[in-house]
């Protein structure tokens, strides 16, 4: 089985139930295995334990925002190589620059465009 054929695992770190359910349903429909977390701390714990192929992360998370969460993931040798894509309503160029400078590998704006989500996910998991 090639890397392209295996089932990839994606961790969704999102505190909004509706958004998390939407991402999960779309990804599972396209044959991805999905893990879920509702906070940055929970996301870090799941990432360390399960080592997903990709993390989709909201920026506005309770307690620890997406910027601090991605900084901790990228600082940890066990999780630093996992690509992290911000999924956010912040889409002005300054916001995008801050997201990329903050350690995210890519970003997707909310409301999401499903074909764009799937294209970006595929690109990041096959890196």
Protein backbone atom coordinates (compact mmCIF):
# COMPACT_ATOMS: atom_id res chain seq x y z
CA UNK A 1 0.00 0.00 0.00
CA UNK A 2 1.45 3.37 -1.00
CA UNK A 3 1.29 6.50 1.14
CA UNK A 4 -1.42 7.77 -1.23
CA UNK A 5 -3.60 4.70 -0.58
CA UNK A 6 -3.49 4.49 3.19
CA UNK A 7 -6.18 6.05 5.35
CA UNK A 8 -4.87 9.32 6.77
CA UNK A 9 -5.79 10.55 10.23
CA UNK A 10 -6.81 14.16 10.80
CA UNK A 11 -7.21 15.82 14.18
CA UNK A 12 -9.84 18.56 14.33
CA UNK A 13 -9.27 21.06 17.15
CA UNK A 14 -12.46 23.12 17.21
CA UNK A 15 -14.63 24.25 20.13
CA UNK A 16 -17.76 24.91 18.06
CA UNK A 17 -19.83 21.70 17.90
CA UNK A 18 -21.44 22.50 14.55
CA UNK A 19 -18.13 23.31 12.85
CA UNK A 20 -16.45 20.24 14.31
CA UNK A 21 -19.32 18.03 13.15
CA UNK A 22 -19.23 19.56 9.66
CA UNK A 23 -15.47 18.99 9.30
CA UNK A 24 -15.76 15.45 10.67
CA UNK A 25 -18.61 14.52 8.33
CA UNK A 26 -16.86 15.92 5.25
CA UNK A 27 -13.55 14.25 6.05
CA UNK A 28 -15.06 10.88 6.98
CA UNK A 29 -17.11 10.95 3.78
CA UNK A 30 -13.82 11.28 1.90
CA UNK A 31 -12.27 8.29 3.70
CA UNK A 32 -10.19 10.13 6.31
CA UNK A 33 -9.99 8.88 9.87
CA UNK A 34 -10.91 11.69 12.26
CA UNK A 35 -9.90 12.56 15.82
CA UNK A 36 -11.47 15.45 17.71
CA UNK A 37 -10.52 17.90 20.44
CA UNK A 38 -12.38 20.93 21.77
CA UNK A 39 -9.45 22.87 23.25
CA UNK A 40 -5.79 23.54 22.58
CA UNK A 41 -4.64 21.51 25.57
CA UNK A 42 -6.77 18.54 24.55
CA UNK A 43 -5.49 18.89 20.99
CA UNK A 44 -1.87 18.75 22.14
CA UNK A 45 -2.57 15.65 24.24
CA UNK A 46 -4.33 13.86 21.36
CA UNK A 47 -1.58 14.85 18.90
CA UNK A 48 1.14 13.47 21.21
CA UNK A 49 -0.71 10.21 21.76
CA UNK A 50 -2.16 9.52 18.29
CA UNK A 51 0.29 11.32 15.92
CA UNK A 52 -2.24 12.40 13.26
CA UNK A 53 -1.15 13.15 9.69
CA UNK A 54 -2.68 16.64 9.87
CA UNK A 55 -4.25 18.97 12.42
CA UNK A 56 -7.07 21.38 11.51
CA UNK A 57 -7.22 24.06 14.18
CA UNK A 58 -9.47 26.96 15.01
CA UNK A 59 -7.66 30.14 16.10
CA UNK A 60 -10.21 31.23 18.72
CA UNK A 61 -10.08 28.41 21.25
CA UNK A 62 -10.90 28.63 24.96
CA UNK A 63 -8.05 28.93 27.50
CA UNK A 64 -5.20 28.45 24.99
CA UNK A 65 -5.73 30.01 21.55
CA UNK A 66 -4.61 28.44 18.29
CA UNK A 67 -1.39 30.50 18.17
CA UNK A 68 -0.18 29.25 21.55
CA UNK A 69 -1.32 25.72 20.75
CA UNK A 70 0.56 25.56 17.44
CA UNK A 71 3.66 27.08 19.08
CA UNK A 72 3.64 24.29 21.68
CA UNK A 73 3.09 21.62 19.02
CA UNK A 74 5.95 22.95 16.88
CA UNK A 75 8.26 23.21 19.92
CA UNK A 76 7.74 19.55 20.84
CA UNK A 77 9.97 17.02 19.02
CA UNK A 78 7.09 14.48 19.05
CA UNK A 79 4.65 16.77 17.24
CA UNK A 80 6.71 19.40 15.39
CA UNK A 81 6.53 17.63 12.04
CA UNK A 82 2.73 17.33 12.00
CA UNK A 83 1.33 19.93 9.58
CA UNK A 84 -1.22 22.27 11.14
CA UNK A 85 -3.80 24.20 9.13
CA UNK A 86 -5.64 27.11 10.71
CA UNK A 87 -9.36 27.16 9.98
CA UNK A 88 -10.52 30.65 10.82
CA UNK A 89 -12.80 33.56 10.07
CA UNK A 90 -9.74 35.85 10.19
CA UNK A 91 -8.98 36.35 6.50
CA UNK A 92 -7.48 39.81 6.04
CA UNK A 93 -3.93 39.73 4.64
CA UNK A 94 -2.48 40.85 8.02
CA UNK A 95 -4.32 37.95 9.68
CA UNK A 96 -3.03 35.47 7.10
CA UNK A 97 0.53 36.77 7.53
CA UNK A 98 0.21 36.40 11.32
CA UNK A 99 -1.14 32.85 10.95
CA UNK A 100 1.74 31.73 8.74
CA UNK A 101 4.33 33.58 10.88
CA UNK A 102 2.77 31.92 13.94
CA UNK A 103 3.80 28.47 12.77
CA UNK A 104 0.76 27.25 10.85
CA UNK A 105 1.51 25.42 7.61
CA UNK A 106 -1.57 26.76 5.83
CA UNK A 107 -4.96 28.31 6.53
CA UNK A 108 -8.53 27.99 5.35
CA UNK A 109 -11.15 30.67 5.78
CA UNK A 110 -14.57 30.16 7.34
CA UNK A 111 -17.14 29.65 6.06
CA UNK A 112 -15.28 26.83 4.39
CA UNK A 113 -15.27 25.96 0.72
CA UNK A 114 -15.46 22.15 0.69
CA UNK A 115 -13.40 21.55 -2.50
CA UNK A 116 -10.73 23.93 -1.18
CA UNK A 117 -10.71 22.12 2.19
CA UNK A 118 -10.26 18.75 0.50
CA UNK A 119 -7.52 20.04 -1.84
CA UNK A 120 -5.55 21.59 1.03
CA UNK A 121 -5.97 18.51 3.24
CA UNK A 122 -4.74 16.25 0.45
CA UNK A 123 -1.73 18.50 -0.24
CA UNK A 124 -0.75 18.61 3.44
CA UNK A 125 -1.14 14.89 4.21
CA UNK A 126 0.87 13.87 1.13
CA UNK A 127 3.81 16.19 1.80
